[in-house]
């Protein structure tokens, strides 16, 4: 015959259940506001350089390089903010955020060479803005309230970039990856702890 669980074992099981429930319900709050500002500044510098090479492979390489820089900035800023807030980037909220955020970015990585091979380099701004907006909106539903709004604005810019003449691609990139990151970066930094 099996012994009934002790009071202590029952209490430990209940605490574990409560911790798991709270972890599943919590939001990912390590979105880096100041990191967004720096990412936006980087995008504005890239716009100034890449504008002179619009619609070329060199233009594409500048923007891919900026994306790599932006990822590095985001990871460092997110890590610092998480450490300051005593959060782990390996807890359930961060994992759920990544699961919602990464697929749209992966789709952009897959579609970029497809656009290049089909002579659609001038239409990459619409693709990138749209998919980045989907990534932010998806991840943002698991984060602070202002993040999904940022994603929706990126989606709107991406759609507008597809409708507008291709010659305006650099302007859309500057407004989205530059301006929106800076504005929302300041909002997040001011209202959500850096």
C-alpha atoms as a PDB file:
ATOM      1  CA  UNK A   1       0.000   0.000   0.000  1.00  0.00           C
ATOM      2  CA  UNK A   2       1.255   3.453  -0.941  1.00  0.00           C
ATOM      3  CA  UNK A   3       1.687   6.072   1.757  1.00  0.00           C
ATOM      4  CA  UNK A   4      -0.207   9.366   1.323  1.00  0.00           C
ATOM      5  CA  UNK A   5       2.023  12.318   0.445  1.00  0.00           C
ATOM      6  CA  UNK A   6       3.359  14.329   3.341  1.00  0.00           C
ATOM      7  CA  UNK A   7       2.172  17.851   3.965  1.00  0.00           C
ATOM      8  CA  UNK A   8       5.593  19.171   2.923  1.00  0.00           C
ATOM      9  CA  UNK A   9       5.561  17.247  -0.384  1.00  0.00           C
ATOM     10  CA  UNK A  10       2.040  18.489  -1.091  1.00  0.00           C
ATOM     11  CA  UNK A  11       3.096  22.089  -0.354  1.00  0.00           C
ATOM     12  CA  UNK A  12       6.130  21.781  -2.658  1.00  0.00           C
ATOM     13  CA  UNK A  13       3.930  20.445  -5.470  1.00  0.00           C
ATOM     14  CA  UNK A  14       1.501  23.342  -4.990  1.00  0.00           C
ATOM     15  CA  UNK A  15       4.330  25.902  -5.042  1.00  0.00           C
ATOM     16  CA  UNK A  16       5.719  24.397  -8.241  1.00  0.00           C
ATOM     17  CA  UNK A  17       2.266  24.551  -9.823  1.00  0.00           C
ATOM     18  CA  UNK A  18       1.900  28.216  -8.810  1.00  0.00           C
ATOM     19  CA  UNK A  19       5.363  29.097 -10.171  1.00  0.00           C
ATOM     20  CA  UNK A  20       4.644  27.364 -13.470  1.00  0.00           C
ATOM     21  CA  UNK A  21       1.280  29.104 -13.796  1.00  0.00           C
ATOM     22  CA  UNK A  22       2.787  32.520 -13.038  1.00  0.00           C
ATOM     23  CA  UNK A  23       5.593  31.911 -15.518  1.00  0.00           C
ATOM     24  CA  UNK A  24       3.119  31.029 -18.270  1.00  0.00           C
ATOM     25  CA  UNK A  25       1.034  34.104 -17.503  1.00  0.00           C
ATOM     26  CA  UNK A  26       3.898  36.595 -17.270  1.00  0.00           C
ATOM     27  CA  UNK A  27       4.977  38.909 -20.054  1.00  0.00           C
ATOM     28  CA  UNK A  28       8.387  39.293 -21.625  1.00  0.00           C
ATOM     29  CA  UNK A  29       9.486  42.701 -20.343  1.00  0.00           C
ATOM     30  CA  UNK A  30      13.139  42.773 -21.402  1.00  0.00           C
ATOM     31  CA  UNK A  31      12.361  44.626 -24.650  1.00  0.00           C
ATOM     32  CA  UNK A  32      15.242  47.131 -24.799  1.00  0.00           C
ATOM     33  CA  UNK A  33      14.091  50.719 -25.291  1.00  0.00           C
ATOM     34  CA  UNK A  34      17.570  52.208 -25.487  1.00  0.00           C
ATOM     35  CA  UNK A  35      18.625  49.338 -27.717  1.00  0.00           C
ATOM     36  CA  UNK A  36      15.791  50.300 -30.063  1.00  0.00           C
ATOM     37  CA  UNK A  37      17.051  53.882 -30.169  1.00  0.00           C
ATOM     38  CA  UNK A  38      20.559  52.693 -31.100  1.00  0.00           C
ATOM     39  CA  UNK A  39      19.127  50.284 -33.695  1.00  0.00           C
ATOM     40  CA  UNK A  40      17.160  53.178 -35.197  1.00  0.00           C
ATOM     41  CA  UNK A  41      20.247  55.388 -35.344  1.00  0.00           C
ATOM     42  CA  UNK A  42      22.140  52.573 -37.071  1.00  0.00           C
ATOM     43  CA  UNK A  43      19.345  52.250 -39.638  1.00  0.00           C
ATOM     44  CA  UNK A  44      19.445  55.982 -40.371  1.00  0.00           C
ATOM     45  CA  UNK A  45      23.195  55.797 -40.990  1.00  0.00           C
ATOM     46  CA  UNK A  46      22.643  52.786 -43.260  1.00  0.00           C
ATOM     47  CA  UNK A  47      19.897  54.669 -45.119  1.00  0.00           C
ATOM     48  CA  UNK A  48      22.279  57.568 -45.780  1.00  0.00           C
ATOM     49  CA  UNK A  49      24.872  55.186 -47.222  1.00  0.00           C
ATOM     50  CA  UNK A  50      22.551  52.771 -49.033  1.00  0.00           C
ATOM     51  CA  UNK A  51      20.416  55.479 -50.662  1.00  0.00           C
ATOM     52  CA  UNK A  52      23.259  56.154 -53.089  1.00  0.00           C
ATOM     53  CA  UNK A  53      23.126  52.525 -54.185  1.00  0.00           C
ATOM     54  CA  UNK A  54      19.342  52.040 -54.459  1.00  0.00           C
ATOM     55  CA  UNK A  55      18.115  48.878 -56.123  1.00  0.00           C
ATOM     56  CA  UNK A  56      21.525  47.207 -56.317  1.00  0.00           C
ATOM     57  CA  UNK A  57      23.161  44.230 -54.671  1.00  0.00           C
ATOM     58  CA  UNK A  58      25.442  46.625 -52.782  1.00  0.00           C
ATOM     59  CA  UNK A  59      22.334  48.288 -51.310  1.00  0.00           C
ATOM     60  CA  UNK A  60      21.116  44.873 -50.185  1.00  0.00           C
ATOM     61  CA  UNK A  61      24.441  44.035 -48.560  1.00  0.00           C
ATOM     62  CA  UNK A  62      24.433  47.304 -46.600  1.00  0.00           C
ATOM     63  CA  UNK A  63      20.970  46.510 -45.239  1.00  0.00           C
ATOM     64  CA  UNK A  64      21.808  42.900 -44.450  1.00  0.00           C
ATOM     65  CA  UNK A  65      24.892  44.186 -42.617  1.00  0.00           C
ATOM     66  CA  UNK A  66      22.711  46.599 -40.672  1.00  0.00           C
ATOM     67  CA  UNK A  67      20.351  43.752 -39.772  1.00  0.00           C
ATOM     68  CA  UNK A  68      23.283  41.804 -38.329  1.00  0.00           C
ATOM     69  CA  UNK A  69      24.368  44.891 -36.349  1.00  0.00           C
ATOM     70  CA  UNK A  70      20.776  45.421 -35.143  1.00  0.00           C
ATOM     71  CA  UNK A  71      20.549  41.820 -33.912  1.00  0.00           C
ATOM     72  CA  UNK A  72      23.789  42.268 -31.976  1.00  0.00           C
ATOM     73  CA  UNK A  73      22.564  45.551 -30.470  1.00  0.00           C
ATOM     74  CA  UNK A  74      19.225  43.966 -29.515  1.00  0.00           C
ATOM     75  CA  UNK A  75      20.827  40.920 -27.901  1.00  0.00           C
ATOM     76  CA  UNK A  76      23.282  42.982 -25.852  1.00  0.00           C
ATOM     77  CA  UNK A  77      20.623  45.516 -24.802  1.00  0.00           C
ATOM     78  CA  UNK A  78      18.089  42.798 -23.990  1.00  0.00           C
ATOM     79  CA  UNK A  79      20.634  40.875 -21.963  1.00  0.00           C
ATOM     80  CA  UNK A  80      21.581  43.984 -19.971  1.00  0.00           C
ATOM     81  CA  UNK A  81      17.961  44.920 -19.323  1.00  0.00           C
ATOM     82  CA  UNK A  82      17.084  41.363 -18.296  1.00  0.00           C
ATOM     83  CA  UNK A  83      20.050  41.260 -15.898  1.00  0.00           C
ATOM     84  CA  UNK A  84      19.083  44.628 -14.407  1.00  0.00           C
ATOM     85  CA  UNK A  85      15.469  43.447 -13.937  1.00  0.00           C
ATOM     86  CA  UNK A  86      16.694  40.077 -12.621  1.00  0.00           C
ATOM     87  CA  UNK A  87      14.985  38.171 -15.444  1.00  0.00           C
ATOM     88  CA  UNK A  88      16.265  35.191 -17.369  1.00  0.00           C
ATOM     89  CA  UNK A  89      16.293  35.109 -21.149  1.00  0.00           C
ATOM     90  CA  UNK A  90      15.747  31.354 -20.848  1.00  0.00           C
ATOM     91  CA  UNK A  91      12.508  31.445 -18.825  1.00  0.00           C
ATOM     92  CA  UNK A  92       9.129  30.623 -20.341  1.00  0.00           C
ATOM     93  CA  UNK A  93       8.134  34.251 -21.195  1.00  0.00           C
ATOM     94  CA  UNK A  94      11.331  34.810 -23.198  1.00  0.00           C
ATOM     95  CA  UNK A  95      10.968  31.461 -24.967  1.00  0.00           C
ATOM     96  CA  UNK A  96       7.342  32.200 -25.894  1.00  0.00           C
ATOM     97  CA  UNK A  97       8.353  35.656 -27.166  1.00  0.00           C
ATOM     98  CA  UNK A  98      11.107  34.117 -29.329  1.00  0.00           C
ATOM     99  CA  UNK A  99       8.721  31.448 -30.652  1.00  0.00           C
ATOM    100  CA  UNK A 100       6.288  34.157 -31.781  1.00  0.00           C
ATOM    101  CA  UNK A 101       8.996  36.549 -33.047  1.00  0.00           C
ATOM    102  CA  UNK A 102      11.528  34.416 -34.932  1.00  0.00           C
ATOM    103  CA  UNK A 103       9.382  32.652 -37.608  1.00  0.00           C
ATOM    104  CA  UNK A 104       8.541  35.860 -39.499  1.00  0.00           C
ATOM    105  CA  UNK A 105      12.219  36.875 -39.440  1.00  0.00           C
ATOM    106  CA  UNK A 106      13.154  33.440 -40.771  1.00  0.00           C
ATOM    107  CA  UNK A 107      10.598  33.932 -43.559  1.00  0.00           C
ATOM    108  CA  UNK A 108      12.306  37.226 -44.433  1.00  0.00           C
ATOM    109  CA  UNK A 109      15.677  35.477 -44.541  1.00  0.00           C
ATOM    110  CA  UNK A 110      14.245  32.870 -46.920  1.00  0.00           C
ATOM    111  CA  UNK A 111      12.448  35.400 -49.141  1.00  0.00           C
ATOM    112  CA  UNK A 112      15.406  37.779 -49.478  1.00  0.00           C
ATOM    113  CA  UNK A 113      17.377  35.573 -51.900  1.00  0.00           C
ATOM    114  CA  UNK A 114      14.135  34.772 -53.753  1.00  0.00           C
ATOM    115  CA  UNK A 115      13.526  38.492 -54.306  1.00  0.00           C
ATOM    116  CA  UNK A 116      17.164  38.977 -55.375  1.00  0.00           C
ATOM    117  CA  UNK A 117      17.109  36.049 -57.838  1.00  0.00           C
ATOM    118  CA  UNK A 118      13.902  37.357 -59.406  1.00  0.00           C
ATOM    119  CA  UNK A 119      15.171  40.907 -59.863  1.00  0.00           C
ATOM    120  CA  UNK A 120      12.997  42.342 -57.091  1.00  0.00           C
ATOM    121  CA  UNK A 121      15.703  44.010 -54.971  1.00  0.00           C
ATOM    122  CA  UNK A 122      13.814  47.318 -55.174  1.00  0.00           C
ATOM    123  CA  UNK A 123      10.833  45.592 -53.498  1.00  0.00           C
ATOM    124  CA  UNK A 124      12.784  44.231 -50.529  1.00  0.00           C
ATOM    125  CA  UNK A 125      11.826  47.203 -48.299  1.00  0.00           C
ATOM    126  CA  UNK A 126       8.166  46.152 -48.436  1.00  0.00           C
ATOM    127  CA  UNK A 127       9.040  42.532 -47.698  1.00  0.00           C
ATOM    128  CA  UNK A 128      11.357  43.353 -44.802  1.00  0.00           C
ATOM    129  CA  UNK A 129       9.095  45.958 -43.190  1.00  0.00           C
ATOM    130  CA  UNK A 130       6.032  43.744 -43.509  1.00  0.00           C
ATOM    131  CA  UNK A 131       7.645  40.615 -42.060  1.00  0.00           C
ATOM    132  CA  UNK A 132       9.443  42.537 -39.323  1.00  0.00           C
ATOM    133  CA  UNK A 133       6.077  44.027 -38.388  1.00  0.00           C
ATOM    134  CA  UNK A 134       4.545  40.552 -38.230  1.00  0.00           C
ATOM    135  CA  UNK A 135       7.438  39.430 -35.991  1.00  0.00           C
ATOM    136  CA  UNK A 136       7.035  42.391 -33.642  1.00  0.00           C
ATOM    137  CA  UNK A 137       3.247  42.087 -33.521  1.00  0.00           C
ATOM    138  CA  UNK A 138       3.442  38.372 -32.771  1.00  0.00           C
ATOM    139  CA  UNK A 139       6.127  38.706 -30.113  1.00  0.00           C
ATOM    140  CA  UNK A 140       4.588  41.906 -28.829  1.00  0.00           C
ATOM    141  CA  UNK A 141       1.364  40.184 -27.823  1.00  0.00           C
ATOM    142  CA  UNK A 142       3.521  38.515 -25.164  1.00  0.00           C
ATOM    143  CA  UNK A 143       5.223  41.730 -24.103  1.00  0.00           C
ATOM    144  CA  UNK A 144       4.384  45.243 -22.948  1.00  0.00           C
ATOM    145  CA  UNK A 145       1.331  46.947 -24.462  1.00  0.00           C
ATOM    146  CA  UNK A 146       3.126  49.347 -26.793  1.00  0.00           C
ATOM    147  CA  UNK A 147       5.102  46.674 -28.689  1.00  0.00           C
ATOM    148  CA  UNK A 148       2.209  45.271 -30.788  1.00  0.00           C
ATOM    149  CA  UNK A 149       1.378  48.839 -31.889  1.00  0.00           C
ATOM    150  CA  UNK A 150       4.944  49.175 -33.161  1.00  0.00           C
ATOM    151  CA  UNK A 151       4.449  45.953 -35.112  1.00  0.00           C
ATOM    152  CA  UNK A 152       1.194  47.160 -36.658  1.00  0.00           C
ATOM    153  CA  UNK A 153       2.913  50.367 -37.803  1.00  0.00           C
ATOM    154  CA  UNK A 154       5.697  48.324 -39.424  1.00  0.00           C
ATOM    155  CA  UNK A 155       3.072  46.207 -41.197  1.00  0.00           C
ATOM    156  CA  UNK A 156       1.354  49.369 -42.485  1.00  0.00           C
ATOM    157  CA  UNK A 157       4.682  50.721 -43.725  1.00  0.00           C
ATOM    158  CA  UNK A 158       5.462  47.433 -45.460  1.00  0.00           C
ATOM    159  CA  UNK A 159       2.109  47.440 -47.229  1.00  0.00           C
ATOM    160  CA  UNK A 160       2.591  51.084 -48.227  1.00  0.00           C
ATOM    161  CA  UNK A 161       6.090  50.294 -49.548  1.00  0.00           C
ATOM    162  CA  UNK A 162       4.621  47.634 -51.831  1.00  0.00           C
ATOM    163  CA  UNK A 163       1.966  50.039 -53.131  1.00  0.00           C
ATOM    164  CA  UNK A 164       4.272  53.046 -53.561  1.00  0.00           C
ATOM    165  CA  UNK A 165       6.781  53.366 -56.387  1.00  0.00           C
ATOM    166  CA  UNK A 166       9.919  51.313 -55.697  1.00  0.00           C
ATOM    167  CA  UNK A 167      12.004  54.511 -55.703  1.00  0.00           C
ATOM    168  CA  UNK A 168      10.591  55.361 -52.245  1.00  0.00           C
ATOM    169  CA  UNK A 169      11.986  52.180 -50.661  1.00  0.00           C
ATOM    170  CA  UNK A 170      14.811  53.987 -48.883  1.00  0.00           C
ATOM    171  CA  UNK A 171      12.384  56.493 -47.359  1.00  0.00           C
ATOM    172  CA  UNK A 172      10.213  53.661 -46.037  1.00  0.00           C
ATOM    173  CA  UNK A 173      13.298  51.935 -44.589  1.00  0.00           C
ATOM    174  CA  UNK A 174      14.361  55.169 -42.861  1.00  0.00           C
ATOM    175  CA  UNK A 175      10.898  55.786 -41.408  1.00  0.00           C
ATOM    176  CA  UNK A 176      10.481  52.192 -40.224  1.00  0.00           C
ATOM    177  CA  UNK A 177      13.814  50.837 -39.142  1.00  0.00           C
ATOM    178  CA  UNK A 178      15.105  54.292 -38.245  1.00  0.00           C
ATOM    179  CA  UNK A 179      12.250  56.490 -37.051  1.00  0.00           C
ATOM    180  CA  UNK A 180       9.902  53.933 -35.517  1.00  0.00           C
ATOM    181  CA  UNK A 181      12.726  52.246 -33.618  1.00  0.00           C
ATOM    182  CA  UNK A 182      13.879  55.584 -32.206  1.00  0.00           C
ATOM    183  CA  UNK A 183      10.400  56.848 -31.247  1.00  0.00           C
ATOM    184  CA  UNK A 184       9.219  53.581 -29.709  1.00  0.00           C
ATOM    185  CA  UNK A 185      12.642  53.007 -28.165  1.00  0.00           C
ATOM    186  CA  UNK A 186      12.251  56.259 -26.223  1.00  0.00           C
ATOM    187  CA  UNK A 187       8.686  55.321 -25.229  1.00  0.00           C
ATOM    188  CA  UNK A 188       9.773  51.901 -23.974  1.00  0.00           C
ATOM    189  CA  UNK A 189      12.841  53.310 -22.209  1.00  0.00           C
ATOM    190  CA  UNK A 190      10.796  55.970 -20.454  1.00  0.00           C
ATOM    191  CA  UNK A 191       7.759  53.886 -19.512  1.00  0.00           C
ATOM    192  CA  UNK A 192       9.090  50.350 -19.197  1.00  0.00           C
ATOM    193  CA  UNK A 193      12.429  50.605 -17.439  1.00  0.00           C
ATOM    194  CA  UNK A 194      14.999  51.216 -20.157  1.00  0.00           C
END
